[in-house]
Amino acid sequence: MGLNYFRSFVLVTLALAVSAAAKFNNTVYIISNAETPSLQLPGLTPVGAQRAQQCLPALFAPLDIGLVVTCPFDPDSGKCSETIATATPIADSLGLTVDTSCGADEETDDDCVPDLLKNFGKTSTQAIIVIWDLGDMDSLFENLDVDDDGDDDDDDDDDDTPHYDVLTTVVGHKVTSTVSQGCSGIDGQAPGTFRRSLRRSFKRRHVTSRIMGRHA
């Protein structure tokens, strides 16, 4: 009986060690691809190009970024059609290369992005940017095991317009803020229209703070 207890103790200890090892403590900034045309046409819209090429590089310039991650286009699902176009200007401005080793397709292991961030965190404390498909954010957050303790029971009667301006900050696997990128001349809307439409874009993820009046 004593031996069995010891074995159980060892197994539990190992499981806890593995779980702890799977965590990453780097600050992670999560955004979606910039605006794309309707009817699944390729490329970014003029607004999307302005966001990707002008606003986002300036937004992330002072944030000590060491890794830029995005998913490559998956022709089967249509996911991640313009994530690389969104990520590349950011990475170029930071002198980094976009990591596209993890996809949003069915063939990619769910642990791909978490393992990538964990391995980066072993040797660096720099922040990470993840640019993902707007329609696949729920899967990304689930795979990253991000804890959002917010309550999304708000009663808003807003539109279902997707929002490409969302910047989510994750620290220690917890969402610490969800704000607008505040791109000058692009972002901003009437009061009361942000929260519900943002939740739907992120599959009803709770907004933990108001729109930030930040300009590139």
N, C-alpha and C. Protein backbone atom coordinates (compact mmCIF):
# COMPACT_ATOMS: atom_id res chain seq x y z
N MET A 1 0.84 -1.21 0.00
CA MET A 1 0.00 0.00 0.00
C MET A 1 0.87 1.26 0.00
N GLY A 2 1.95 1.21 0.82
CA GLY A 2 2.87 2.33 0.87
C GLY A 2 3.52 2.58 -0.47
N LEU A 3 3.88 1.51 -1.18
CA LEU A 3 4.51 1.64 -2.49
C LEU A 3 3.55 2.27 -3.50
N ASN A 4 2.29 1.82 -3.46
CA ASN A 4 1.29 2.39 -4.37
C ASN A 4 1.08 3.88 -4.11
N TYR A 5 1.08 4.24 -2.83
CA TYR A 5 0.91 5.65 -2.47
C TYR A 5 2.08 6.47 -3.01
N PHE A 6 3.29 5.90 -2.86
CA PHE A 6 4.48 6.60 -3.34
C PHE A 6 4.43 6.80 -4.85
N ARG A 7 4.01 5.75 -5.57
CA ARG A 7 3.91 5.84 -7.02
C ARG A 7 2.89 6.90 -7.43
N SER A 8 1.76 6.92 -6.72
CA SER A 8 0.73 7.91 -7.03
C SER A 8 1.25 9.32 -6.80
N PHE A 9 2.00 9.47 -5.72
CA PHE A 9 2.57 10.78 -5.39
C PHE A 9 3.53 11.24 -6.48
N VAL A 10 4.37 10.31 -6.94
CA VAL A 10 5.34 10.63 -7.98
C VAL A 10 4.62 11.03 -9.28
N LEU A 11 3.57 10.27 -9.64
CA LEU A 11 2.84 10.56 -10.87
C LEU A 11 2.17 11.93 -10.81
N VAL A 12 1.58 12.24 -9.67
CA VAL A 12 0.93 13.55 -9.51
C VAL A 12 1.96 14.66 -9.60
N THR A 13 3.11 14.46 -8.95
CA THR A 13 4.18 15.46 -8.98
C THR A 13 4.67 15.71 -10.40
N LEU A 14 4.85 14.61 -11.14
CA LEU A 14 5.30 14.73 -12.53
C LEU A 14 4.26 15.45 -13.38
N ALA A 15 2.98 15.12 -13.16
CA ALA A 15 1.91 15.76 -13.91
C ALA A 15 1.89 17.27 -13.66
N LEU A 16 2.08 17.65 -12.40
CA LEU A 16 2.10 19.07 -12.06
C LEU A 16 3.31 19.76 -12.68
N ALA A 17 4.43 19.05 -12.70
CA ALA A 17 5.64 19.62 -13.30
C ALA A 17 5.46 19.84 -14.79
N VAL A 18 4.85 18.86 -15.46
CA VAL A 18 4.60 18.99 -16.89
C VAL A 18 3.65 20.13 -17.17
N SER A 19 2.60 20.24 -16.34
CA SER A 19 1.62 21.32 -16.50
C SER A 19 2.29 22.67 -16.34
N ALA A 20 3.15 22.78 -15.32
CA ALA A 20 3.84 24.05 -15.09
C ALA A 20 4.77 24.39 -16.24
N ALA A 21 5.42 23.33 -16.78
CA ALA A 21 6.35 23.56 -17.88
C ALA A 21 5.64 24.04 -19.13
N ALA A 22 4.35 23.71 -19.26
CA ALA A 22 3.61 24.08 -20.45
C ALA A 22 3.18 25.55 -20.43
N LYS A 23 3.38 26.23 -19.31
CA LYS A 23 2.97 27.62 -19.19
C LYS A 23 4.04 28.54 -19.78
N PHE A 24 3.61 29.72 -20.19
CA PHE A 24 4.55 30.74 -20.64
C PHE A 24 4.17 32.04 -19.94
N ASN A 25 5.17 32.82 -19.56
CA ASN A 25 4.92 34.03 -18.79
C ASN A 25 5.12 35.30 -19.60
N ASN A 26 5.51 35.17 -20.86
CA ASN A 26 5.69 36.35 -21.69
C ASN A 26 4.35 37.07 -21.90
N THR A 27 4.41 38.37 -22.00
CA THR A 27 3.22 39.13 -22.41
C THR A 27 2.90 38.79 -23.86
N VAL A 28 1.64 38.49 -24.14
CA VAL A 28 1.22 38.13 -25.49
C VAL A 28 0.15 39.11 -25.96
N TYR A 29 0.39 39.73 -27.10
CA TYR A 29 -0.58 40.62 -27.73
C TYR A 29 -1.25 39.87 -28.88
N ILE A 30 -2.57 39.83 -28.87
CA ILE A 30 -3.32 39.07 -29.87
C ILE A 30 -4.19 40.02 -30.69
N ILE A 31 -4.03 39.96 -32.01
CA ILE A 31 -4.87 40.73 -32.91
C ILE A 31 -5.33 39.82 -34.05
N SER A 32 -6.31 40.29 -34.79
CA SER A 32 -6.77 39.54 -35.96
C SER A 32 -6.12 40.10 -37.22
N ASN A 33 -6.38 39.43 -38.34
CA ASN A 33 -6.01 40.01 -39.63
C ASN A 33 -6.71 41.35 -39.80
N ALA A 34 -6.12 42.22 -40.60
CA ALA A 34 -6.75 43.50 -40.90
C ALA A 34 -7.93 43.29 -41.86
N GLU A 35 -8.62 44.36 -42.18
CA GLU A 35 -9.85 44.29 -42.98
C GLU A 35 -9.62 43.63 -44.34
N THR A 36 -10.54 42.75 -44.70
CA THR A 36 -10.49 42.06 -46.00
C THR A 36 -11.77 42.36 -46.79
N PRO A 37 -11.73 42.22 -48.12
CA PRO A 37 -12.93 42.49 -48.92
C PRO A 37 -14.03 41.47 -48.67
N SER A 38 -15.24 41.81 -49.04
CA SER A 38 -16.34 40.86 -48.97
C SER A 38 -16.22 39.84 -50.09
N LEU A 39 -17.08 38.84 -50.06
CA LEU A 39 -17.12 37.80 -51.09
C LEU A 39 -15.83 37.00 -51.17
N GLN A 40 -15.05 37.01 -50.07
CA GLN A 40 -13.81 36.23 -49.98
C GLN A 40 -12.81 36.59 -51.07
N LEU A 41 -12.82 37.84 -51.49
CA LEU A 41 -11.83 38.30 -52.46
C LEU A 41 -10.47 38.41 -51.77
N PRO A 42 -9.38 38.20 -52.50
CA PRO A 42 -8.05 38.22 -51.88
C PRO A 42 -7.58 39.63 -51.55
N GLY A 43 -6.60 39.70 -50.68
CA GLY A 43 -5.98 40.97 -50.35
C GLY A 43 -6.67 41.70 -49.22
N LEU A 44 -6.04 42.78 -48.79
CA LEU A 44 -6.62 43.65 -47.78
C LEU A 44 -7.36 44.80 -48.46
N THR A 45 -8.37 45.31 -47.80
CA THR A 45 -9.03 46.51 -48.29
C THR A 45 -8.09 47.70 -48.10
N PRO A 46 -8.38 48.86 -48.71
CA PRO A 46 -7.54 50.04 -48.45
C PRO A 46 -7.43 50.36 -46.96
N VAL A 47 -8.53 50.21 -46.23
CA VAL A 47 -8.48 50.44 -44.78
C VAL A 47 -7.60 49.39 -44.11
N GLY A 48 -7.74 48.14 -44.54
CA GLY A 48 -6.92 47.08 -43.98
C GLY A 48 -5.44 47.29 -44.25
N ALA A 49 -5.12 47.74 -45.46
CA ALA A 49 -3.73 48.02 -45.81
C ALA A 49 -3.18 49.16 -44.97
N GLN A 50 -4.00 50.18 -44.74
CA GLN A 50 -3.57 51.29 -43.90
C GLN A 50 -3.31 50.82 -42.47
N ARG A 51 -4.19 49.97 -41.96
CA ARG A 51 -4.01 49.44 -40.61
C ARG A 51 -2.70 48.64 -40.52
N ALA A 52 -2.52 47.72 -41.48
CA ALA A 52 -1.38 46.81 -41.43
C ALA A 52 -0.05 47.52 -41.68
N GLN A 53 -0.05 48.48 -42.60
CA GLN A 53 1.22 49.07 -43.02
C GLN A 53 1.61 50.32 -42.24
N GLN A 54 0.61 51.01 -41.67
CA GLN A 54 0.92 52.26 -40.98
C GLN A 54 0.66 52.20 -39.48
N CYS A 55 -0.54 51.78 -39.12
CA CYS A 55 -0.93 51.83 -37.70
C CYS A 55 -0.22 50.78 -36.85
N LEU A 56 -0.32 49.52 -37.26
CA LEU A 56 0.18 48.44 -36.41
C LEU A 56 1.69 48.48 -36.17
N PRO A 57 2.51 48.76 -37.18
CA PRO A 57 3.95 48.86 -36.89
C PRO A 57 4.26 49.94 -35.84
N ALA A 58 3.57 51.08 -35.93
CA ALA A 58 3.79 52.15 -34.95
C ALA A 58 3.26 51.75 -33.58
N LEU A 59 2.14 51.02 -33.56
CA LEU A 59 1.54 50.61 -32.30
C LEU A 59 2.46 49.69 -31.50
N PHE A 60 3.10 48.76 -32.20
CA PHE A 60 3.92 47.76 -31.50
C PHE A 60 5.39 48.15 -31.37
N ALA A 61 5.81 49.23 -32.01
CA ALA A 61 7.22 49.63 -32.01
C ALA A 61 7.83 49.75 -30.62
N PRO A 62 7.12 50.35 -29.63
CA PRO A 62 7.76 50.54 -28.32
C PRO A 62 7.57 49.38 -27.34
N LEU A 63 7.04 48.25 -27.78
CA LEU A 63 6.60 47.22 -26.84
C LEU A 63 7.56 46.05 -26.66
N ASP A 64 8.80 46.15 -27.10
CA ASP A 64 9.82 45.11 -26.91
C ASP A 64 9.32 43.74 -27.36
N ILE A 65 8.98 43.65 -28.63
CA ILE A 65 8.48 42.40 -29.21
C ILE A 65 9.66 41.54 -29.68
N GLY A 66 9.60 40.25 -29.38
CA GLY A 66 10.66 39.35 -29.81
C GLY A 66 10.21 38.26 -30.74
N LEU A 67 8.88 38.09 -30.88
CA LEU A 67 8.35 37.01 -31.72
C LEU A 67 7.03 37.45 -32.33
N VAL A 68 6.90 37.23 -33.63
CA VAL A 68 5.65 37.52 -34.35
C VAL A 68 5.15 36.22 -34.95
N VAL A 69 3.95 35.81 -34.55
CA VAL A 69 3.39 34.51 -34.95
C VAL A 69 2.10 34.73 -35.72
N THR A 70 1.93 34.00 -36.80
CA THR A 70 0.65 34.02 -37.51
C THR A 70 0.43 32.69 -38.19
N CYS A 71 -0.80 32.49 -38.66
CA CYS A 71 -1.14 31.24 -39.35
C CYS A 71 -1.10 31.46 -40.86
N PRO A 72 -0.59 30.49 -41.61
CA PRO A 72 -0.58 30.60 -43.07
C PRO A 72 -1.97 30.31 -43.63
N PHE A 73 -2.20 30.74 -44.84
CA PHE A 73 -3.50 30.53 -45.49
C PHE A 73 -3.79 29.04 -45.65
N ASP A 74 -5.02 28.66 -45.28
CA ASP A 74 -5.47 27.27 -45.45
C ASP A 74 -6.52 27.25 -46.56
N PRO A 75 -6.17 26.75 -47.73
CA PRO A 75 -7.11 26.78 -48.86
C PRO A 75 -8.36 25.94 -48.64
N ASP A 76 -8.28 24.93 -47.79
CA ASP A 76 -9.44 24.07 -47.55
C ASP A 76 -10.53 24.79 -46.77
N SER A 77 -10.13 25.51 -45.73
CA SER A 77 -11.11 26.20 -44.89
C SER A 77 -11.26 27.67 -45.24
N GLY A 78 -10.26 28.22 -45.93
CA GLY A 78 -10.27 29.64 -46.23
C GLY A 78 -9.77 30.50 -45.09
N LYS A 79 -9.34 29.88 -43.99
CA LYS A 79 -8.87 30.63 -42.83
C LYS A 79 -7.49 31.22 -43.09
N CYS A 80 -7.24 32.30 -42.40
CA CYS A 80 -5.92 32.96 -42.41
C CYS A 80 -5.54 33.46 -43.81
N SER A 81 -6.52 33.97 -44.54
CA SER A 81 -6.25 34.41 -45.91
C SER A 81 -5.31 35.61 -45.96
N GLU A 82 -5.42 36.52 -44.99
CA GLU A 82 -4.58 37.72 -45.04
C GLU A 82 -3.85 37.98 -43.74
N THR A 83 -3.61 36.94 -42.96
CA THR A 83 -2.87 37.13 -41.71
C THR A 83 -1.41 37.48 -41.98
N ILE A 84 -0.81 36.84 -42.99
CA ILE A 84 0.58 37.13 -43.30
C ILE A 84 0.73 38.57 -43.81
N ALA A 85 -0.23 39.02 -44.62
CA ALA A 85 -0.19 40.40 -45.12
C ALA A 85 -0.31 41.39 -43.97
N THR A 86 -1.01 41.00 -42.91
CA THR A 86 -1.14 41.86 -41.73
C THR A 86 0.11 41.81 -40.88
N ALA A 87 0.68 40.62 -40.74
CA ALA A 87 1.83 40.43 -39.85
C ALA A 87 3.14 40.94 -40.42
N THR A 88 3.32 40.84 -41.73
CA THR A 88 4.62 41.14 -42.33
C THR A 88 5.11 42.57 -42.09
N PRO A 89 4.27 43.60 -42.27
CA PRO A 89 4.76 44.96 -42.00
C PRO A 89 5.18 45.16 -40.54
N ILE A 90 4.48 44.50 -39.63
CA ILE A 90 4.85 44.59 -38.21
C ILE A 90 6.22 43.98 -38.00
N ALA A 91 6.40 42.75 -38.49
CA ALA A 91 7.67 42.05 -38.31
C ALA A 91 8.81 42.81 -38.98
N ASP A 92 8.58 43.31 -40.19
CA ASP A 92 9.62 44.05 -40.91
C ASP A 92 10.08 45.27 -40.12
N SER A 93 9.11 45.97 -39.54
CA SER A 93 9.45 47.18 -38.79
C SER A 93 10.25 46.87 -37.53
N LEU A 94 10.09 45.65 -37.01
CA LEU A 94 10.79 45.22 -35.80
C LEU A 94 12.07 44.46 -36.10
N GLY A 95 12.34 44.23 -37.38
CA GLY A 95 13.52 43.46 -37.75
C GLY A 95 13.39 41.99 -37.44
N LEU A 96 12.16 41.47 -37.48
CA LEU A 96 11.89 40.07 -37.16
C LEU A 96 11.34 39.35 -38.38
N THR A 97 11.34 38.01 -38.30
CA THR A 97 10.74 37.17 -39.33
C THR A 97 9.44 36.60 -38.81
N VAL A 98 8.40 36.61 -39.61
CA VAL A 98 7.11 36.06 -39.18
C VAL A 98 7.20 34.54 -39.07
N ASP A 99 6.79 34.01 -37.93
CA ASP A 99 6.75 32.56 -37.73
C ASP A 99 5.39 32.04 -38.19
N THR A 100 5.38 31.22 -39.23
CA THR A 100 4.13 30.67 -39.76
C THR A 100 4.08 29.15 -39.60
N SER A 101 4.77 28.64 -38.59
CA SER A 101 4.87 27.19 -38.42
C SER A 101 3.59 26.56 -37.89
N CYS A 102 2.67 27.36 -37.36
CA CYS A 102 1.43 26.82 -36.80
C CYS A 102 0.24 27.31 -37.62
N GLY A 103 -0.56 26.38 -38.11
CA GLY A 103 -1.72 26.73 -38.91
C GLY A 103 -3.01 26.69 -38.11
N ALA A 104 -4.09 27.12 -38.77
CA ALA A 104 -5.43 27.05 -38.18
C ALA A 104 -6.23 25.92 -38.80
N ASP A 105 -5.54 25.03 -39.53
CA ASP A 105 -6.21 23.94 -40.22
C ASP A 105 -6.40 22.74 -39.29
N GLU A 106 -7.14 21.76 -39.76
CA GLU A 106 -7.43 20.58 -38.95
C GLU A 106 -6.21 19.70 -38.74
N GLU A 107 -5.20 19.83 -39.60
CA GLU A 107 -4.02 18.98 -39.50
C GLU A 107 -3.04 19.46 -38.43
N THR A 108 -3.12 20.72 -38.06
CA THR A 108 -2.18 21.28 -37.09
C THR A 108 -2.57 20.90 -35.67
N ASP A 109 -1.60 20.44 -34.90
CA ASP A 109 -1.85 20.06 -33.52
C ASP A 109 -2.30 21.27 -32.71
N ASP A 110 -3.26 21.05 -31.81
CA ASP A 110 -3.78 22.14 -30.98
C ASP A 110 -2.70 22.76 -30.10
N ASP A 111 -1.65 21.99 -29.80
CA ASP A 111 -0.58 22.47 -28.92
C ASP A 111 0.50 23.23 -29.68
N CYS A 112 0.34 23.39 -30.98
CA CYS A 112 1.40 24.01 -31.78
C CYS A 112 1.73 25.42 -31.30
N VAL A 113 0.73 26.28 -31.22
CA VAL A 113 0.99 27.65 -30.78
C VAL A 113 1.44 27.70 -29.32
N PRO A 114 0.75 27.01 -28.39
CA PRO A 114 1.22 27.02 -27.00
C PRO A 114 2.66 26.55 -26.87
N ASP A 115 3.03 25.49 -27.58
CA ASP A 115 4.40 24.97 -27.51
C ASP A 115 5.39 25.98 -28.09
N LEU A 116 4.99 26.64 -29.16
CA LEU A 116 5.85 27.65 -29.77
C LEU A 116 6.13 28.79 -28.80
N LEU A 117 5.09 29.28 -28.14
CA LEU A 117 5.26 30.37 -27.18
C LEU A 117 6.06 29.91 -25.97
N LYS A 118 5.80 28.69 -25.52
CA LYS A 118 6.52 28.15 -24.37
C LYS A 118 8.01 28.04 -24.67
N ASN A 119 8.35 27.51 -25.83
CA ASN A 119 9.76 27.35 -26.20
C ASN A 119 10.46 28.70 -26.33
N PHE A 120 9.74 29.69 -26.88
CA PHE A 120 10.32 31.03 -26.97
C PHE A 120 10.57 31.59 -25.57
N GLY A 121 9.61 31.35 -24.67
CA GLY A 121 9.72 31.87 -23.32
C GLY A 121 10.83 31.26 -22.49
N LYS A 122 11.36 30.14 -22.93
CA LYS A 122 12.47 29.50 -22.20
C LYS A 122 13.74 30.33 -22.27
N THR A 123 13.89 31.10 -23.34
CA THR A 123 15.13 31.84 -23.56
C THR A 123 14.94 33.34 -23.67
N SER A 124 13.69 33.80 -23.57
CA SER A 124 13.45 35.24 -23.74
C SER A 124 12.27 35.69 -22.88
N THR A 125 12.37 36.91 -22.39
CA THR A 125 11.26 37.52 -21.66
C THR A 125 10.54 38.56 -22.52
N GLN A 126 10.94 38.67 -23.78
CA GLN A 126 10.31 39.65 -24.66
C GLN A 126 8.85 39.29 -24.94
N ALA A 127 8.09 40.29 -25.33
CA ALA A 127 6.67 40.08 -25.62
C ALA A 127 6.49 39.41 -26.98
N ILE A 128 5.29 38.88 -27.19
CA ILE A 128 4.96 38.12 -28.39
C ILE A 128 3.70 38.71 -29.02
N ILE A 129 3.67 38.77 -30.34
CA ILE A 129 2.44 39.15 -31.06
C ILE A 129 1.91 37.92 -31.78
N VAL A 130 0.63 37.65 -31.63
CA VAL A 130 -0.03 36.59 -32.39
C VAL A 130 -1.10 37.23 -33.25
N ILE A 131 -0.98 37.08 -34.56
CA ILE A 131 -1.97 37.59 -35.51
C ILE A 131 -2.74 36.40 -36.05
N TRP A 132 -4.04 36.35 -35.80
CA TRP A 132 -4.82 35.16 -36.14
C TRP A 132 -6.06 35.53 -36.94
N ASP A 133 -6.65 34.53 -37.56
CA ASP A 133 -7.88 34.74 -38.33
C ASP A 133 -9.01 35.19 -37.42
N LEU A 134 -9.71 36.25 -37.82
CA LEU A 134 -10.77 36.81 -36.98
C LEU A 134 -11.82 35.77 -36.62
N GLY A 135 -12.13 34.87 -37.56
CA GLY A 135 -13.17 33.87 -37.31
C GLY A 135 -12.70 32.66 -36.54
N ASP A 136 -11.41 32.60 -36.20
CA ASP A 136 -10.88 31.43 -35.50
C ASP A 136 -10.30 31.81 -34.14
N MET A 137 -10.65 32.98 -33.64
CA MET A 137 -10.11 33.44 -32.37
C MET A 137 -10.49 32.54 -31.20
N ASP A 138 -11.70 32.02 -31.23
CA ASP A 138 -12.16 31.18 -30.12
C ASP A 138 -11.25 29.96 -29.97
N SER A 139 -10.90 29.33 -31.08
CA SER A 139 -10.02 28.17 -31.04
C SER A 139 -8.64 28.55 -30.53
N LEU A 140 -8.14 29.70 -30.96
CA LEU A 140 -6.83 30.15 -30.51
C LEU A 140 -6.80 30.34 -29.00
N PHE A 141 -7.80 31.04 -28.46
CA PHE A 141 -7.85 31.28 -27.02
C PHE A 141 -7.98 29.97 -26.25
N GLU A 142 -8.77 29.05 -26.78
CA GLU A 142 -8.93 27.76 -26.13
C GLU A 142 -7.62 26.99 -26.12
N ASN A 143 -6.92 26.97 -27.24
CA ASN A 143 -5.65 26.24 -27.32
C ASN A 143 -4.59 26.85 -26.41
N LEU A 144 -4.63 28.17 -26.25
CA LEU A 144 -3.67 28.84 -25.38
C LEU A 144 -4.05 28.73 -23.92
N ASP A 145 -5.22 28.17 -23.64
CA ASP A 145 -5.69 28.02 -22.26
C ASP A 145 -5.72 29.37 -21.55
N VAL A 146 -6.25 30.36 -22.26
CA VAL A 146 -6.32 31.71 -21.71
C VAL A 146 -7.54 31.83 -20.82
N ASP A 147 -7.35 32.38 -19.64
CA ASP A 147 -8.41 32.51 -18.65
C ASP A 147 -9.00 33.91 -18.73
N ASP A 148 -10.28 33.98 -19.10
CA ASP A 148 -11.00 35.25 -19.10
C ASP A 148 -12.14 35.12 -18.10
N ASP A 149 -11.96 35.72 -16.91
CA ASP A 149 -12.95 35.57 -15.84
C ASP A 149 -14.14 36.48 -16.00
N GLY A 150 -14.16 37.25 -17.07
CA GLY A 150 -15.23 38.23 -17.24
C GLY A 150 -16.58 37.60 -17.44
N ASP A 151 -17.60 38.40 -17.19
CA ASP A 151 -18.99 37.97 -17.38
C ASP A 151 -19.51 38.60 -18.65
N ASP A 152 -19.99 37.79 -19.60
CA ASP A 152 -20.48 38.35 -20.85
C ASP A 152 -21.99 38.27 -20.95
N ASP A 153 -22.66 38.61 -19.88
CA ASP A 153 -24.13 38.60 -19.88
C ASP A 153 -24.73 39.97 -20.15
N ASP A 154 -23.90 40.92 -20.61
CA ASP A 154 -24.41 42.27 -20.83
C ASP A 154 -25.54 42.25 -21.84
N ASP A 155 -26.50 43.12 -21.63
CA ASP A 155 -27.65 43.22 -22.54
C ASP A 155 -27.46 44.40 -23.47
N ASP A 156 -26.80 44.20 -24.58
CA ASP A 156 -26.60 45.27 -25.56
C ASP A 156 -27.39 44.94 -26.80
N ASP A 157 -27.95 45.95 -27.44
CA ASP A 157 -28.70 45.76 -28.67
C ASP A 157 -27.92 46.35 -29.84
N ASP A 158 -26.70 45.87 -30.01
CA ASP A 158 -25.83 46.45 -31.02
C ASP A 158 -25.76 45.57 -32.25
N ASP A 159 -25.07 46.08 -33.27
CA ASP A 159 -24.96 45.36 -34.53
C ASP A 159 -23.95 44.22 -34.41
N ASP A 160 -23.90 43.42 -35.49
CA ASP A 160 -23.01 42.27 -35.50
C ASP A 160 -21.75 42.54 -36.33
N THR A 161 -21.43 43.80 -36.55
CA THR A 161 -20.28 44.14 -37.38
C THR A 161 -19.00 43.58 -36.80
N PRO A 162 -18.21 42.87 -37.60
CA PRO A 162 -16.93 42.37 -37.08
C PRO A 162 -15.97 43.52 -36.83
N HIS A 163 -15.15 43.39 -35.82
CA HIS A 163 -14.19 44.44 -35.48
C HIS A 163 -12.77 43.92 -35.64
N TYR A 164 -12.04 44.59 -36.52
CA TYR A 164 -10.66 44.21 -36.81
C TYR A 164 -9.68 45.01 -35.95
N ASP A 165 -10.21 45.89 -35.10
CA ASP A 165 -9.35 46.80 -34.35
C ASP A 165 -9.05 46.32 -32.94
N VAL A 166 -9.36 45.08 -32.63
CA VAL A 166 -9.25 44.61 -31.25
C VAL A 166 -7.82 44.21 -30.91
N LEU A 167 -7.34 44.69 -29.79
CA LEU A 167 -6.03 44.31 -29.26
C LEU A 167 -6.24 43.69 -27.88
N THR A 168 -5.95 42.40 -27.77
CA THR A 168 -6.09 41.70 -26.49
C THR A 168 -4.70 41.44 -25.91
N THR A 169 -4.53 41.78 -24.65
CA THR A 169 -3.26 41.54 -23.96
C THR A 169 -3.44 40.40 -22.97
N VAL A 170 -2.54 39.42 -23.05
CA VAL A 170 -2.58 38.25 -22.17
C VAL A 170 -1.28 38.20 -21.38
N VAL A 171 -1.41 38.12 -20.06
CA VAL A 171 -0.24 37.99 -19.18
C VAL A 171 -0.50 36.84 -18.22
N GLY A 172 0.41 35.88 -18.18
CA GLY A 172 0.24 34.74 -17.29
C GLY A 172 -1.02 33.96 -17.58
N HIS A 173 -1.36 33.81 -18.85
CA HIS A 173 -2.54 33.06 -19.30
C HIS A 173 -3.85 33.72 -18.89
N LYS A 174 -3.81 35.00 -18.54
CA LYS A 174 -5.03 35.73 -18.21
C LYS A 174 -5.15 36.96 -19.11
N VAL A 175 -6.37 37.23 -19.56
CA VAL A 175 -6.62 38.44 -20.32
C VAL A 175 -6.57 39.63 -19.37
N THR A 176 -5.65 40.54 -19.62
CA THR A 176 -5.54 41.72 -18.76
C THR A 176 -6.20 42.95 -19.37
N SER A 177 -6.36 42.97 -20.69
CA SER A 177 -7.09 44.08 -21.32
C SER A 177 -7.53 43.69 -22.71
N THR A 178 -8.63 44.25 -23.14
CA THR A 178 -9.13 44.11 -24.51
C THR A 178 -9.57 45.49 -24.95
N VAL A 179 -8.81 46.09 -25.86
CA VAL A 179 -9.04 47.48 -26.23
C VAL A 179 -8.98 47.65 -27.74
N SER A 180 -9.33 48.83 -28.20
CA SER A 180 -9.18 49.14 -29.61
C SER A 180 -7.73 49.50 -29.90
N GLN A 181 -7.29 49.20 -31.11
CA GLN A 181 -5.94 49.59 -31.53
C GLN A 181 -5.82 51.10 -31.67
N GLY A 182 -6.95 51.77 -31.80
CA GLY A 182 -6.96 53.23 -31.84
C GLY A 182 -6.25 53.81 -33.05
N CYS A 183 -6.37 53.16 -34.20
CA CYS A 183 -5.71 53.66 -35.41
C CYS A 183 -6.35 54.96 -35.86
N SER A 184 -5.56 56.00 -35.97
CA SER A 184 -6.07 57.32 -36.33
C SER A 184 -6.71 57.31 -37.71
N GLY A 185 -7.94 57.82 -37.79
CA GLY A 185 -8.65 57.89 -39.05
C GLY A 185 -9.34 56.61 -39.46
N ILE A 186 -9.18 55.55 -38.66
CA ILE A 186 -9.80 54.26 -38.98
C ILE A 186 -10.77 53.83 -37.90
N ASP A 187 -10.29 53.80 -36.65
CA ASP A 187 -11.07 53.25 -35.56
C ASP A 187 -11.91 54.30 -34.87
N GLY A 188 -12.93 53.81 -34.18
CA GLY A 188 -13.81 54.70 -33.44
C GLY A 188 -15.23 54.57 -33.93
N GLN A 189 -16.18 54.54 -33.00
CA GLN A 189 -17.58 54.37 -33.35
C GLN A 189 -18.45 55.01 -32.29
N ALA A 190 -19.73 55.01 -32.53
CA ALA A 190 -20.66 55.64 -31.60
C ALA A 190 -20.63 54.93 -30.26
N PRO A 191 -20.80 55.68 -29.16
CA PRO A 191 -20.82 55.07 -27.84
C PRO A 191 -21.83 53.94 -27.74
N GLY A 192 -21.45 52.87 -27.07
CA GLY A 192 -22.37 51.76 -26.83
C GLY A 192 -22.38 50.70 -27.90
N THR A 193 -21.59 50.90 -28.97
CA THR A 193 -21.64 49.91 -30.05
C THR A 193 -20.48 48.94 -30.02
N PHE A 194 -19.58 49.10 -29.06
CA PHE A 194 -18.35 48.29 -29.08
C PHE A 194 -18.52 46.91 -28.46
N ARG A 195 -19.12 46.86 -27.29
CA ARG A 195 -19.00 45.66 -26.48
C ARG A 195 -19.66 44.43 -27.10
N ARG A 196 -20.89 44.55 -27.55
CA ARG A 196 -21.57 43.35 -28.03
C ARG A 196 -20.98 42.85 -29.35
N SER A 197 -20.72 43.79 -30.27
CA SER A 197 -20.17 43.37 -31.55
C SER A 197 -18.80 42.76 -31.38
N LEU A 198 -18.02 43.25 -30.43
CA LEU A 198 -16.72 42.65 -30.15
C LEU A 198 -16.88 41.25 -29.60
N ARG A 199 -17.84 41.05 -28.70
CA ARG A 199 -18.05 39.71 -28.15
C ARG A 199 -18.38 38.73 -29.25
N ARG A 200 -19.23 39.15 -30.19
CA ARG A 200 -19.61 38.21 -31.25
C ARG A 200 -18.44 37.92 -32.17
N SER A 201 -17.62 38.94 -32.45
CA SER A 201 -16.45 38.71 -33.29
C SER A 201 -15.50 37.72 -32.63
N PHE A 202 -15.44 37.75 -31.32
CA PHE A 202 -14.55 36.86 -30.57
C PHE A 202 -15.32 35.70 -29.96
N LYS A 203 -16.46 35.35 -30.55
CA LYS A 203 -17.29 34.27 -30.05
C LYS A 203 -17.69 34.52 -28.59
N ARG A 204 -18.18 35.76 -28.33
CA ARG A 204 -18.71 36.17 -27.04
C ARG A 204 -17.66 36.23 -25.94
N ARG A 205 -16.43 36.61 -26.31
CA ARG A 205 -15.42 36.82 -25.28
C ARG A 205 -15.68 38.16 -24.59
N HIS A 206 -15.50 38.19 -23.28
CA HIS A 206 -15.82 39.38 -22.49
C HIS A 206 -14.82 40.50 -22.72
N VAL A 207 -15.31 41.71 -22.82
CA VAL A 207 -14.44 42.87 -22.94
C VAL A 207 -14.11 43.37 -21.55
N THR A 208 -12.83 43.45 -21.22
CA THR A 208 -12.44 43.79 -19.87
C THR A 208 -12.10 45.26 -19.68
N SER A 209 -12.12 46.03 -20.75
CA SER A 209 -11.91 47.46 -20.60
C SER A 209 -12.52 48.20 -21.77
N ARG A 210 -12.60 49.51 -21.65
CA ARG A 210 -13.22 50.32 -22.69
C ARG A 210 -12.26 50.58 -23.84
N ILE A 211 -12.80 51.18 -24.90
CA ILE A 211 -11.95 51.54 -26.03
C ILE A 211 -10.86 52.50 -25.56
N MET A 212 -9.64 52.22 -25.94
CA MET A 212 -8.52 53.06 -25.53
C MET A 212 -8.31 54.16 -26.56
N GLY A 213 -8.26 55.39 -26.10
CA GLY A 213 -8.04 56.50 -27.02
C GLY A 213 -6.58 56.63 -27.37
N ARG A 214 -6.10 55.70 -28.16
CA ARG A 214 -4.67 55.64 -28.49
C ARG A 214 -4.49 55.86 -29.98
N HIS A 215 -3.54 56.69 -30.35
CA HIS A 215 -3.31 56.99 -31.76
C HIS A 215 -1.89 56.63 -32.13
N ALA A 216 -1.78 56.10 -33.34
CA ALA A 216 -0.45 55.71 -33.80
C ALA A 216 0.42 56.94 -34.01
